[in-house]
PDB file of N, CA and C in Angstrom:
ATOM      1  N   MET A   1      41.955  31.052  12.650  1.00  0.00           N
ATOM      2  CA  MET A   1      40.375  31.232  12.145  1.00  0.00           C
ATOM      3  C   MET A   1      40.690  30.657  10.538  1.00  0.00           C
ATOM      4  N   SER A   2      39.967  29.367  10.336  1.00  0.00           N
ATOM      5  CA  SER A   2      39.797  28.735   8.797  1.00  0.00           C
ATOM      6  C   SER A   2      39.283  30.111   7.661  1.00  0.00           C
ATOM      7  N   THR A   3      40.174  29.596   7.105  1.00  0.00           N
ATOM      8  CA  THR A   3      39.451  30.335   5.476  1.00  0.00           C
ATOM      9  C   THR A   3      38.296  29.975   5.369  1.00  0.00           C
ATOM     10  N   GLN A   4      38.092  28.477   5.426  1.00  0.00           N
ATOM     11  CA  GLN A   4      36.599  27.752   5.201  1.00  0.00           C
ATOM     12  C   GLN A   4      35.802  28.730   6.072  1.00  0.00           C
ATOM     13  N   GLY A   5      35.572  29.132   7.282  1.00  0.00           N
ATOM     14  CA  GLY A   5      34.833  29.637   8.355  1.00  0.00           C
ATOM     15  C   GLY A   5      34.418  31.240   7.874  1.00  0.00           C
ATOM     16  N   ARG A   6      35.466  32.189   7.041  1.00  0.00           N
ATOM     17  CA  ARG A   6      35.729  33.050   6.679  1.00  0.00           C
ATOM     18  C   ARG A   6      34.128  32.877   5.413  1.00  0.00           C
ATOM     19  N   ALA A   7      34.394  32.280   4.250  1.00  0.00           N
ATOM     20  CA  ALA A   7      33.926  32.168   3.453  1.00  0.00           C
ATOM     21  C   ALA A   7      32.509  31.796   3.810  1.00  0.00           C
ATOM     22  N   ILE A   8      31.952  30.912   4.769  1.00  0.00           N
ATOM     23  CA  ILE A   8      30.496  30.602   5.835  1.00  0.00           C
ATOM     24  C   ILE A   8      29.843  31.805   5.544  1.00  0.00           C
ATOM     25  N   ALA A   9      30.984  32.177   6.360  1.00  0.00           N
ATOM     26  CA  ALA A   9      30.194  33.327   7.202  1.00  0.00           C
ATOM     27  C   ALA A   9      29.885  34.994   6.118  1.00  0.00           C
ATOM     28  N   ASP A  10      30.761  35.158   4.957  1.00  0.00           N
ATOM     29  CA  ASP A  10      30.559  35.508   4.022  1.00  0.00           C
ATOM     30  C   ASP A  10      29.292  35.723   2.679  1.00  0.00           C
ATOM     31  N   LEU A  11      29.385  34.038   2.743  1.00  0.00           N
ATOM     32  CA  LEU A  11      27.988  33.767   2.033  1.00  0.00           C
ATOM     33  C   LEU A  11      26.542  34.255   3.287  1.00  0.00           C
ATOM     34  N   TRP A  12      27.106  34.034   4.197  1.00  0.00           N
ATOM     35  CA  TRP A  12      25.584  34.284   5.279  1.00  0.00           C
ATOM     36  C   TRP A  12      25.336  35.679   5.204  1.00  0.00           C
ATOM     37  N   ASP A  13      26.286  36.948   5.236  1.00  0.00           N
ATOM     38  CA  ASP A  13      26.056  37.656   4.949  1.00  0.00           C
ATOM     39  C   ASP A  13      25.564  38.389   3.548  1.00  0.00           C
ATOM     40  N   ARG A  14      26.318  37.612   2.693  1.00  0.00           N
ATOM     41  CA  ARG A  14      25.758  38.152   1.323  1.00  0.00           C
ATOM     42  C   ARG A  14      24.649  37.899   1.549  1.00  0.00           C
ATOM     43  N   THR A  15      23.974  36.625   1.532  1.00  0.00           N
ATOM     44  CA  THR A  15      22.641  36.250   1.213  1.00  0.00           C
ATOM     45  C   THR A  15      21.569  37.194   2.367  1.00  0.00           C
ATOM     46  N   PHE A  16      22.060  37.348   3.523  1.00  0.00           N
ATOM     47  CA  PHE A  16      20.820  38.306   4.138  1.00  0.00           C
ATOM     48  C   PHE A  16      21.007  39.271   3.178  1.00  0.00           C
ATOM     49  N   ASN A  17      22.125  39.888   2.896  1.00  0.00           N
ATOM     50  CA  ASN A  17      22.093  41.599   2.558  1.00  0.00           C
ATOM     51  C   ASN A  17      21.621  42.209   1.667  1.00  0.00           C
ATOM     52  N   LYS A  18      21.794  40.643   0.115  1.00  0.00           N
ATOM     53  CA  LYS A  18      20.971  41.056  -0.624  1.00  0.00           C
ATOM     54  C   LYS A  18      19.059  40.478  -0.705  1.00  0.00           C
ATOM     55  N   GLY A  19      18.491  40.412   0.683  1.00  0.00           N
ATOM     56  CA  GLY A  19      16.825  40.167   0.814  1.00  0.00           C
ATOM     57  C   GLY A  19      16.742  39.205   0.375  1.00  0.00           C
ATOM     58  N   ASP A  20      17.792  37.842   0.224  1.00  0.00           N
ATOM     59  CA  ASP A  20      17.142  36.443  -0.196  1.00  0.00           C
ATOM     60  C   ASP A  20      17.285  35.747   1.275  1.00  0.00           C
ATOM     61  N   THR A  21      15.843  35.867   1.690  1.00  0.00           N
ATOM     62  CA  THR A  21      15.159  35.453   3.227  1.00  0.00           C
ATOM     63  C   THR A  21      15.283  33.517   2.336  1.00  0.00           C
ATOM     64  N   THR A  22      14.799  33.365   1.625  1.00  0.00           N
ATOM     65  CA  THR A  22      14.603  31.787   1.168  1.00  0.00           C
ATOM     66  C   THR A  22      16.384  30.477   1.284  1.00  0.00           C
ATOM     67  N   GLY A  23      16.825  31.857   0.296  1.00  0.00           N
ATOM     68  CA  GLY A  23      18.559  31.091   0.441  1.00  0.00           C
ATOM     69  C   GLY A  23      18.750  31.295   1.645  1.00  0.00           C
ATOM     70  N   LEU A  24      18.583  32.393   2.709  1.00  0.00           N
ATOM     71  CA  LEU A  24      19.535  32.191   4.042  1.00  0.00           C
ATOM     72  C   LEU A  24      18.648  31.039   4.692  1.00  0.00           C
ATOM     73  N   GLY A  25      17.372  30.605   4.613  1.00  0.00           N
ATOM     74  CA  GLY A  25      16.898  28.881   5.072  1.00  0.00           C
ATOM     75  C   GLY A  25      17.641  28.003   4.539  1.00  0.00           C
ATOM     76  N   ASN A  26      17.740  28.154   3.176  1.00  0.00           N
ATOM     77  CA  ASN A  26      18.347  27.051   2.875  1.00  0.00           C
ATOM     78  C   ASN A  26      19.980  26.352   3.098  1.00  0.00           C
ATOM     79  N   LEU A  27      20.354  27.800   3.701  1.00  0.00           N
ATOM     80  CA  LEU A  27      22.006  27.300   4.623  1.00  0.00           C
ATOM     81  C   LEU A  27      21.815  26.385   5.731  1.00  0.00           C
ATOM     82  N   PHE A  28      20.461  26.164   5.974  1.00  0.00           N
ATOM     83  CA  PHE A  28      20.520  25.682   7.130  1.00  0.00           C
ATOM     84  C   PHE A  28      19.851  23.774   6.945  1.00  0.00           C
ATOM     85  N   SER A  29      19.999  23.254   7.881  1.00  0.00           N
ATOM     86  CA  SER A  29      19.504  21.670   7.907  1.00  0.00           C
ATOM     87  C   SER A  29      18.149  21.830   7.974  1.00  0.00           C
ATOM     88  N   GLU A  30      17.199  20.596   7.289  1.00  0.00           N
ATOM     89  CA  GLU A  30      16.225  20.493   8.317  1.00  0.00           C
ATOM     90  C   GLU A  30      15.790  20.575   9.254  1.00  0.00           C
ATOM     91  N   ASP A  31      16.794  20.178  10.279  1.00  0.00           N
ATOM     92  CA  ASP A  31      16.663  19.676  11.914  1.00  0.00           C
ATOM     93  C   ASP A  31      17.491  21.404  12.312  1.00  0.00           C
ATOM     94  N   GLY A  32      17.842  22.368  11.152  1.00  0.00           N
ATOM     95  CA  GLY A  32      18.100  23.421  12.320  1.00  0.00           C
ATOM     96  C   GLY A  32      17.360  24.226  12.536  1.00  0.00           C
ATOM     97  N   GLN A  33      18.290  25.088  13.582  1.00  0.00           N
ATOM     98  CA  GLN A  33      17.252  26.137  14.278  1.00  0.00           C
ATOM     99  C   GLN A  33      18.074  27.346  14.643  1.00  0.00           C
ATOM    100  N   VAL A  34      17.442  28.034  14.639  1.00  0.00           N
ATOM    101  CA  VAL A  34      17.942  29.806  14.819  1.00  0.00           C
ATOM    102  C   VAL A  34      17.303  29.634  16.717  1.00  0.00           C
ATOM    103  N   ILE A  35      18.008  30.223  17.343  1.00  0.00           N
ATOM    104  CA  ILE A  35      17.729  30.491  19.020  1.00  0.00           C
ATOM    105  C   ILE A  35      18.265  32.152  18.777  1.00  0.00           C
ATOM    106  N   PRO A  36      17.147  33.228  18.613  1.00  0.00           N
ATOM    107  CA  PRO A  36      17.453  34.495  18.762  1.00  0.00           C
ATOM    108  C   PRO A  36      17.578  35.140  20.645  1.00  0.00           C
ATOM    109  N   ALA A  37      18.553  35.799  19.815  1.00  0.00           N
ATOM    110  CA  ALA A  37      18.899  36.487  22.049  1.00  0.00           C
ATOM    111  C   ALA A  37      17.099  36.347  22.361  1.00  0.00           C
ATOM    112  N   GLY A  38      16.985  35.989  23.475  1.00  0.00           N
ATOM    113  CA  GLY A  38      16.477  36.139  24.378  1.00  0.00           C
ATOM    114  C   GLY A  38      14.764  35.694  23.581  1.00  0.00           C
ATOM    115  N   GLY A  39      15.180  35.190  22.512  1.00  0.00           N
ATOM    116  CA  GLY A  39      13.348  34.257  21.952  1.00  0.00           C
ATOM    117  C   GLY A  39      13.334  33.198  21.589  1.00  0.00           C
ATOM    118  N   SER A  40      12.444  33.055  21.066  1.00  0.00           N
ATOM    119  CA  SER A  40      12.005  31.227  21.155  1.00  0.00           C
ATOM    120  C   SER A  40      13.032  30.428  20.417  1.00  0.00           C
ATOM    121  N   PRO A  41      12.921  29.361  20.062  1.00  0.00           N
ATOM    122  CA  PRO A  41      13.664  28.667  18.972  1.00  0.00           C
ATOM    123  C   PRO A  41      12.777  28.363  17.725  1.00  0.00           C
ATOM    124  N   VAL A  42      13.190  28.987  16.873  1.00  0.00           N
ATOM    125  CA  VAL A  42      12.952  29.230  15.364  1.00  0.00           C
ATOM    126  C   VAL A  42      13.713  27.777  14.612  1.00  0.00           C
ATOM    127  N   ARG A  43      12.320  26.777  14.097  1.00  0.00           N
ATOM    128  CA  ARG A  43      12.903  25.448  13.638  1.00  0.00           C
ATOM    129  C   ARG A  43      12.916  25.131  11.847  1.00  0.00           C
ATOM    130  N   GLY A  44      13.708  24.399  11.062  1.00  0.00           N
ATOM    131  CA  GLY A  44      13.807  24.556  10.005  1.00  0.00           C
ATOM    132  C   GLY A  44      13.947  25.348   8.834  1.00  0.00           C
ATOM    133  N   PRO A  45      13.998  25.429   7.325  1.00  0.00           N
ATOM    134  CA  PRO A  45      14.129  26.369   6.656  1.00  0.00           C
ATOM    135  C   PRO A  45      13.201  27.233   6.267  1.00  0.00           C
ATOM    136  N   GLN A  46      12.357  26.603   6.277  1.00  0.00           N
ATOM    137  CA  GLN A  46      11.364  27.756   6.162  1.00  0.00           C
ATOM    138  C   GLN A  46      10.955  28.646   6.901  1.00  0.00           C
ATOM    139  N   GLY A  47      10.611  27.907   8.646  1.00  0.00           N
ATOM    140  CA  GLY A  47      11.054  29.177   9.494  1.00  0.00           C
ATOM    141  C   GLY A  47      11.621  30.152   9.822  1.00  0.00           C
ATOM    142  N   ILE A  48      12.961  29.795   9.638  1.00  0.00           N
ATOM    143  CA  ILE A  48      14.208  30.810   9.614  1.00  0.00           C
ATOM    144  C   ILE A  48      13.838  31.951   8.464  1.00  0.00           C
ATOM    145  N   ALA A  49      13.448  31.405   7.584  1.00  0.00           N
ATOM    146  CA  ALA A  49      13.243  31.973   6.225  1.00  0.00           C
ATOM    147  C   ALA A  49      12.252  33.441   6.605  1.00  0.00           C
ATOM    148  N   ALA A  50      11.741  32.731   7.262  1.00  0.00           N
ATOM    149  CA  ALA A  50      10.086  33.759   7.549  1.00  0.00           C
ATOM    150  C   ALA A  50      10.743  34.442   8.606  1.00  0.00           C
ATOM    151  N   PHE A  51      11.524  33.976   9.874  1.00  0.00           N
ATOM    152  CA  PHE A  51      11.599  34.718  10.751  1.00  0.00           C
ATOM    153  C   PHE A  51      12.719  35.918  10.000  1.00  0.00           C
ATOM    154  N   PHE A  52      14.198  35.382   9.603  1.00  0.00           N
ATOM    155  CA  PHE A  52      14.419  36.625   8.688  1.00  0.00           C
ATOM    156  C   PHE A  52      13.590  37.653   7.650  1.00  0.00           C
ATOM    157  N   ALA A  53      12.753  37.189   7.174  1.00  0.00           N
ATOM    158  CA  ALA A  53      12.338  38.060   6.028  1.00  0.00           C
ATOM    159  C   ALA A  53      11.368  39.450   7.473  1.00  0.00           C
ATOM    160  N   ASP A  54      10.495  38.799   8.379  1.00  0.00           N
ATOM    161  CA  ASP A  54      10.424  39.446   9.269  1.00  0.00           C
ATOM    162  C   ASP A  54      10.929  40.580  10.148  1.00  0.00           C
ATOM    163  N   LEU A  55      12.212  40.164  10.194  1.00  0.00           N
ATOM    164  CA  LEU A  55      13.699  41.308  10.907  1.00  0.00           C
ATOM    165  C   LEU A  55      13.714  42.344   9.026  1.00  0.00           C
ATOM    166  N   GLN A  56      13.813  41.706   8.349  1.00  0.00           N
ATOM    167  CA  GLN A  56      14.214  42.548   7.166  1.00  0.00           C
ATOM    168  C   GLN A  56      13.356  43.589   7.068  1.00  0.00           C
ATOM    169  N   ALA A  57      12.039  43.096   7.090  1.00  0.00           N
ATOM    170  CA  ALA A  57      10.602  44.078   6.981  1.00  0.00           C
ATOM    171  C   ALA A  57      10.238  45.228   8.059  1.00  0.00           C
ATOM    172  N   LYS A  58      11.259  44.709   9.428  1.00  0.00           N
ATOM    173  CA  LYS A  58      11.092  45.851   9.982  1.00  0.00           C
ATOM    174  C   LYS A  58      12.275  46.766  10.152  1.00  0.00           C
ATOM    175  N   GLY A  59      13.491  46.669   9.118  1.00  0.00           N
ATOM    176  CA  GLY A  59      14.386  47.833   8.882  1.00  0.00           C
ATOM    177  C   GLY A  59      16.098  47.300   9.143  1.00  0.00           C
ATOM    178  N   PHE A  60      16.018  46.169   9.743  1.00  0.00           N
ATOM    179  CA  PHE A  60      17.013  45.498   9.779  1.00  0.00           C
ATOM    180  C   PHE A  60      17.757  45.166   8.687  1.00  0.00           C
ATOM    181  N   LYS A  61      18.664  45.449   8.359  1.00  0.00           N
ATOM    182  CA  LYS A  61      19.771  45.376   7.088  1.00  0.00           C
ATOM    183  C   LYS A  61      21.403  45.603   7.665  1.00  0.00           C
ATOM    184  N   ASP A  62      22.061  45.463   6.329  1.00  0.00           N
ATOM    185  CA  ASP A  62      23.820  45.687   6.555  1.00  0.00           C
ATOM    186  C   ASP A  62      24.506  44.227   7.617  1.00  0.00           C
ATOM    187  N   HIS A  63      24.129  43.029   7.736  1.00  0.00           N
ATOM    188  CA  HIS A  63      24.938  42.281   8.492  1.00  0.00           C
ATOM    189  C   HIS A  63      25.838  41.825   8.366  1.00  0.00           C
ATOM    190  N   LYS A  64      26.917  41.738   9.240  1.00  0.00           N
ATOM    191  CA  LYS A  64      28.548  41.623   9.377  1.00  0.00           C
ATOM    192  C   LYS A  64      28.772  40.253  10.300  1.00  0.00           C
ATOM    193  N   ILE A  65      28.896  39.629   9.469  1.00  0.00           N
ATOM    194  CA  ILE A  65      30.118  38.792  11.157  1.00  0.00           C
ATOM    195  C   ILE A  65      31.561  38.844  10.483  1.00  0.00           C
ATOM    196  N   THR A  66      31.939  39.009  12.069  1.00  0.00           N
ATOM    197  CA  THR A  66      33.287  38.603  12.320  1.00  0.00           C
ATOM    198  C   THR A  66      33.818  37.441  12.905  1.00  0.00           C
ATOM    199  N   VAL A  67      34.093  36.391  11.969  1.00  0.00           N
ATOM    200  CA  VAL A  67      34.612  35.156  12.301  1.00  0.00           C
ATOM    201  C   VAL A  67      36.225  35.273  13.755  1.00  0.00           C
ATOM    202  N   GLN A  68      36.166  34.942  14.742  1.00  0.00           N
ATOM    203  CA  GLN A  68      37.295  35.132  15.706  1.00  0.00           C
ATOM    204  C   GLN A  68      37.896  33.741  15.612  1.00  0.00           C
ATOM    205  N   ASP A  69      36.560  32.560  15.482  1.00  0.00           N
ATOM    206  CA  ASP A  69      37.427  30.988  15.727  1.00  0.00           C
ATOM    207  C   ASP A  69      37.065  30.132  15.349  1.00  0.00           C
ATOM    208  N   ALA A  70      37.539  29.037  15.098  1.00  0.00           N
ATOM    209  CA  ALA A  70      36.754  28.138  13.865  1.00  0.00           C
ATOM    210  C   ALA A  70      37.634  26.977  14.087  1.00  0.00           C
ATOM    211  N   VAL A  71      36.422  25.904  15.033  1.00  0.00           N
ATOM    212  CA  VAL A  71      36.664  24.356  15.595  1.00  0.00           C
ATOM    213  C   VAL A  71      36.194  23.602  14.468  1.00  0.00           C
ATOM    214  N   GLU A  72      36.944  22.706  14.138  1.00  0.00           N
ATOM    215  CA  GLU A  72      36.188  21.710  13.419  1.00  0.00           C
ATOM    216  C   GLU A  72      36.591  20.551  13.948  1.00  0.00           C
ATOM    217  N   LYS A  73      35.424  19.411  13.843  1.00  0.00           N
ATOM    218  CA  LYS A  73      35.983  17.787  14.359  1.00  0.00           C
ATOM    219  C   LYS A  73      35.141  17.027  14.283  1.00  0.00           C
ATOM    220  N   GLY A  74      35.596  16.024  12.825  1.00  0.00           N
ATOM    221  CA  GLY A  74      35.269  15.477  12.189  1.00  0.00           C
ATOM    222  C   GLY A  74      34.249  16.195  11.282  1.00  0.00           C
ATOM    223  N   ASP A  75      32.687  15.909  11.312  1.00  0.00           N
ATOM    224  CA  ASP A  75      31.704  16.105  10.210  1.00  0.00           C
ATOM    225  C   ASP A  75      30.742  17.277  11.065  1.00  0.00           C
ATOM    226  N   ILE A  76      31.440  18.133  11.968  1.00  0.00           N
ATOM    227  CA  ILE A  76      31.080  19.274  12.824  1.00  0.00           C
ATOM    228  C   ILE A  76      31.969  20.711  12.553  1.00  0.00           C
ATOM    229  N   LEU A  77      31.286  21.721  12.216  1.00  0.00           N
ATOM    230  CA  LEU A  77      32.250  23.288  12.364  1.00  0.00           C
ATOM    231  C   LEU A  77      31.443  23.919  12.929  1.00  0.00           C
ATOM    232  N   VAL A  78      32.696  24.221  14.281  1.00  0.00           N
ATOM    233  CA  VAL A  78      32.187  25.057  15.303  1.00  0.00           C
ATOM    234  C   VAL A  78      32.332  26.807  14.740  1.00  0.00           C
ATOM    235  N   LEU A  79      32.163  27.806  14.822  1.00  0.00           N
ATOM    236  CA  LEU A  79      32.534  28.931  14.480  1.00  0.00           C
ATOM    237  C   LEU A  79      32.037  29.928  15.491  1.00  0.00           C
ATOM    238  N   THR A  80      32.429  30.623  16.238  1.00  0.00           N
ATOM    239  CA  THR A  80      31.958  32.022  16.948  1.00  0.00           C
ATOM    240  C   THR A  80      32.888  33.111  16.518  1.00  0.00           C
ATOM    241  N   GLY A  81      32.378  34.048  17.105  1.00  0.00           N
ATOM    242  CA  GLY A  81      33.117  35.934  16.533  1.00  0.00           C
ATOM    243  C   GLY A  81      31.355  36.530  17.178  1.00  0.00           C
ATOM    244  N   ARG A  82      31.850  37.774  16.408  1.00  0.00           N
ATOM    245  CA  ARG A  82      30.972  38.880  16.388  1.00  0.00           C
ATOM    246  C   ARG A  82      29.897  39.365  15.581  1.00  0.00           C
ATOM    247  N   TRP A  83      28.877  40.213  16.027  1.00  0.00           N
ATOM    248  CA  TRP A  83      27.814  39.904  14.522  1.00  0.00           C
ATOM    249  C   TRP A  83      27.524  41.640  14.710  1.00  0.00           C
ATOM    250  N   SER A  84      27.365  41.901  13.154  1.00  0.00           N
ATOM    251  CA  SER A  84      26.835  43.404  13.734  1.00  0.00           C
ATOM    252  C   SER A  84      25.450  43.511  12.753  1.00  0.00           C
ATOM    253  N   LEU A  85      24.464  44.709  12.912  1.00  0.00           N
ATOM    254  CA  LEU A  85      24.277  44.938  12.032  1.00  0.00           C
ATOM    255  C   LEU A  85      23.244  46.007  12.051  1.00  0.00           C
ATOM    256  N   SER A  86      22.559  46.987  11.246  1.00  0.00           N
ATOM    257  CA  SER A  86      21.977  48.134  11.655  1.00  0.00           C
ATOM    258  C   SER A  86      20.049  48.142  11.569  1.00  0.00           C
ATOM    259  N   GLY A  87      19.489  48.997  12.153  1.00  0.00           N
ATOM    260  CA  GLY A  87      18.339  48.875  12.323  1.00  0.00           C
ATOM    261  C   GLY A  87      17.550  49.904  13.329  1.00  0.00           C
ATOM    262  N   PRO A  88      15.690  50.342  13.180  1.00  0.00           N
ATOM    263  CA  PRO A  88      15.706  50.728  13.842  1.00  0.00           C
ATOM    264  C   PRO A  88      15.500  51.370  14.807  1.00  0.00           C
ATOM    265  N   GLY A  89      15.861  52.419  15.474  1.00  0.00           N
ATOM    266  CA  GLY A  89      16.084  52.712  16.923  1.00  0.00           C
ATOM    267  C   GLY A  89      15.145  53.603  17.385  1.00  0.00           C
ATOM    268  N   GLU A  90      15.116  53.797  18.651  1.00  0.00           N
ATOM    269  CA  GLU A  90      14.004  55.378  19.515  1.00  0.00           C
ATOM    270  C   GLU A  90      13.924  56.366  18.281  1.00  0.00           C
ATOM    271  N   GLY A  91      12.773  56.754  18.057  1.00  0.00           N
ATOM    272  CA  GLY A  91      12.008  57.964  16.958  1.00  0.00           C
ATOM    273  C   GLY A  91      12.776  57.677  15.525  1.00  0.00           C
ATOM    274  N   GLY A  92      13.082  56.538  15.174  1.00  0.00           N
ATOM    275  CA  GLY A  92      12.832  56.232  13.499  1.00  0.00           C
ATOM    276  C   GLY A  92      14.068  56.198  13.234  1.00  0.00           C
ATOM    277  N   ALA A  93      15.474  56.719  14.097  1.00  0.00           N
ATOM    278  CA  ALA A  93      16.843  56.732  13.529  1.00  0.00           C
ATOM    279  C   ALA A  93      17.460  55.563  13.586  1.00  0.00           C
ATOM    280  N   THR A  94      18.224  55.115  12.545  1.00  0.00           N
ATOM    281  CA  THR A  94      19.025  54.018  12.576  1.00  0.00           C
ATOM    282  C   THR A  94      19.922  53.958  13.598  1.00  0.00           C
ATOM    283  N   GLN A  95      19.832  52.772  14.281  1.00  0.00           N
ATOM    284  CA  GLN A  95      21.079  52.190  15.196  1.00  0.00           C
ATOM    285  C   GLN A  95      21.860  50.902  15.165  1.00  0.00           C
ATOM    286  N   SER A  96      23.041  51.251  15.286  1.00  0.00           N
ATOM    287  CA  SER A  96      23.943  49.699  15.327  1.00  0.00           C
ATOM    288  C   SER A  96      23.532  49.087  16.316  1.00  0.00           C
ATOM    289  N   TYR A  97      23.833  47.632  16.159  1.00  0.00           N
ATOM    290  CA  TYR A  97      23.444  46.309  16.924  1.00  0.00           C
ATOM    291  C   TYR A  97      24.246  45.770  16.804  1.00  0.00           C
ATOM    292  N   GLY A  98      24.959  44.571  18.043  1.00  0.00           N
ATOM    293  CA  GLY A  98      26.037  43.822  17.864  1.00  0.00           C
ATOM    294  C   GLY A  98      25.933  43.046  18.650  1.00  0.00           C
ATOM    295  N   GLY A  99      26.851  41.790  18.689  1.00  0.00           N
ATOM    296  CA  GLY A  99      26.999  41.268  20.317  1.00  0.00           C
ATOM    297  C   GLY A  99      27.768  40.072  19.382  1.00  0.00           C
ATOM    298  N   ASN A 100      28.043  38.610  20.416  1.00  0.00           N
ATOM    299  CA  ASN A 100      28.496  37.373  20.159  1.00  0.00           C
ATOM    300  C   ASN A 100      27.703  36.701  19.242  1.00  0.00           C
ATOM    301  N   TRP A 101      28.404  35.833  18.914  1.00  0.00           N
ATOM    302  CA  TRP A 101      27.767  34.872  17.830  1.00  0.00           C
ATOM    303  C   TRP A 101      28.147  33.027  17.613  1.00  0.00           C
ATOM    304  N   VAL A 102      27.535  32.402  18.069  1.00  0.00           N
ATOM    305  CA  VAL A 102      27.490  30.953  17.331  1.00  0.00           C
ATOM    306  C   VAL A 102      27.030  30.287  15.963  1.00  0.00           C
ATOM    307  N   ASN A 103      27.619  29.527  15.256  1.00  0.00           N
ATOM    308  CA  ASN A 103      26.785  28.725  14.065  1.00  0.00           C
ATOM    309  C   ASN A 103      27.770  27.425  14.490  1.00  0.00           C
ATOM    310  N   VAL A 104      26.989  26.565  14.767  1.00  0.00           N
ATOM    311  CA  VAL A 104      27.275  25.082  14.835  1.00  0.00           C
ATOM    312  C   VAL A 104      26.850  24.077  13.341  1.00  0.00           C
ATOM    313  N   LEU A 105      27.584  24.004  12.506  1.00  0.00           N
ATOM    314  CA  LEU A 105      27.501  23.295  11.022  1.00  0.00           C
ATOM    315  C   LEU A 105      27.938  21.582  10.963  1.00  0.00           C
ATOM    316  N   GLU A 106      27.125  21.123   9.740  1.00  0.00           N
ATOM    317  CA  GLU A 106      27.388  19.588   9.854  1.00  0.00           C
ATOM    318  C   GLU A 106      27.550  19.937   8.719  1.00  0.00           C
ATOM    319  N   ARG A 107      28.657  18.810   8.227  1.00  0.00           N
ATOM    320  CA  ARG A 107      28.805  18.289   7.029  1.00  0.00           C
ATOM    321  C   ARG A 107      28.168  17.347   6.266  1.00  0.00           C
ATOM    322  N   ARG A 108      27.371  17.969   5.206  1.00  0.00           N
ATOM    323  CA  ARG A 108      26.449  16.731   4.569  1.00  0.00           C
ATOM    324  C   ARG A 108      26.660  17.212   2.629  1.00  0.00           C
ATOM    325  N   GLY A 109      27.020  15.776   2.117  1.00  0.00           N
ATOM    326  CA  GLY A 109      27.436  15.932   1.402  1.00  0.00           C
ATOM    327  C   GLY A 109      28.150  16.611   0.862  1.00  0.00           C
ATOM    328  N   GLY A 110      28.455  17.314  -0.247  1.00  0.00           N
ATOM    329  CA  GLY A 110      29.322  18.099  -0.580  1.00  0.00           C
ATOM    330  C   GLY A 110      29.835  19.489   0.256  1.00  0.00           C
ATOM    331  N   GLY A 111      28.887  20.038   1.321  1.00  0.00           N
ATOM    332  CA  GLY A 111      29.080  21.178   1.672  1.00  0.00           C
ATOM    333  C   GLY A 111      28.703  21.429   3.258  1.00  0.00           C
ATOM    334  N   TRP A 112      28.488  22.093   4.107  1.00  0.00           N
ATOM    335  CA  TRP A 112      28.592  22.304   5.511  1.00  0.00           C
ATOM    336  C   TRP A 112      26.686  23.125   5.549  1.00  0.00           C
ATOM    337  N   SER A 113      26.209  22.421   6.296  1.00  0.00           N
ATOM    338  CA  SER A 113      24.317  22.811   6.693  1.00  0.00           C
ATOM    339  C   SER A 113      24.517  23.658   7.853  1.00  0.00           C
ATOM    340  N   THR A 114      23.550  24.738   8.432  1.00  0.00           N
ATOM    341  CA  THR A 114      24.042  25.132   9.635  1.00  0.00           C
ATOM    342  C   THR A 114      23.008  24.152  10.427  1.00  0.00           C
ATOM    343  N   VAL A 115      23.124  24.252  11.813  1.00  0.00           N
ATOM    344  CA  VAL A 115      22.303  23.466  12.151  1.00  0.00           C
ATOM    345  C   VAL A 115      22.320  24.299  13.978  1.00  0.00           C
ATOM    346  N   LEU A 116      22.695  24.963  13.945  1.00  0.00           N
ATOM    347  CA  LEU A 116      22.177  26.071  15.540  1.00  0.00           C
ATOM    348  C   LEU A 116      23.457  26.887  15.007  1.00  0.00           C
ATOM    349  N   HIS A 117      22.321  28.067  14.596  1.00  0.00           N
ATOM    350  CA  HIS A 117      22.585  30.042  14.979  1.00  0.00           C
ATOM    351  C   HIS A 117      22.192  30.680  16.073  1.00  0.00           C
ATOM    352  N   THR A 118      23.015  31.471  16.713  1.00  0.00           N
ATOM    353  CA  THR A 118      22.594  32.330  17.684  1.00  0.00           C
ATOM    354  C   THR A 118      23.229  33.126  18.374  1.00  0.00           C
ATOM    355  N   TRP A 119      23.117  33.590  18.769  1.00  0.00           N
ATOM    356  CA  TRP A 119      23.746  35.208  19.140  1.00  0.00           C
ATOM    357  C   TRP A 119      23.040  36.388  20.623  1.00  0.00           C
ATOM    358  N   ASN A 120      23.918  37.194  20.710  1.00  0.00           N
ATOM    359  CA  ASN A 120      23.399  37.718  22.237  1.00  0.00           C
ATOM    360  C   ASN A 120      24.050  39.247  21.716  1.00  0.00           C
TER     361      ASN A 120
END
């Protein structure tokens, strides 16, 4: 697992966990998309920011990514691993959620922009 991949995942977690959904959207390219488990694709930084703002408004928090593999091929970086977060469960109790996670990034300028983020 690359140090760079871990740094990217840590930035994502920090941005989500401090509630900066605009900043989260800005981690994505203009043509970036989120494909939620069982949901419809969400496209572009503003749409993605709104998607995650809605999740947070519903009480989802404490996001954590564990990067298990990072493969860099030219200007493409593919990160895979596990995700977890907590949120509302039955009867209003807090519940833990988690699963597999894939993030595909493209080198743009001096950094990386997410072009695809999906999980199950």
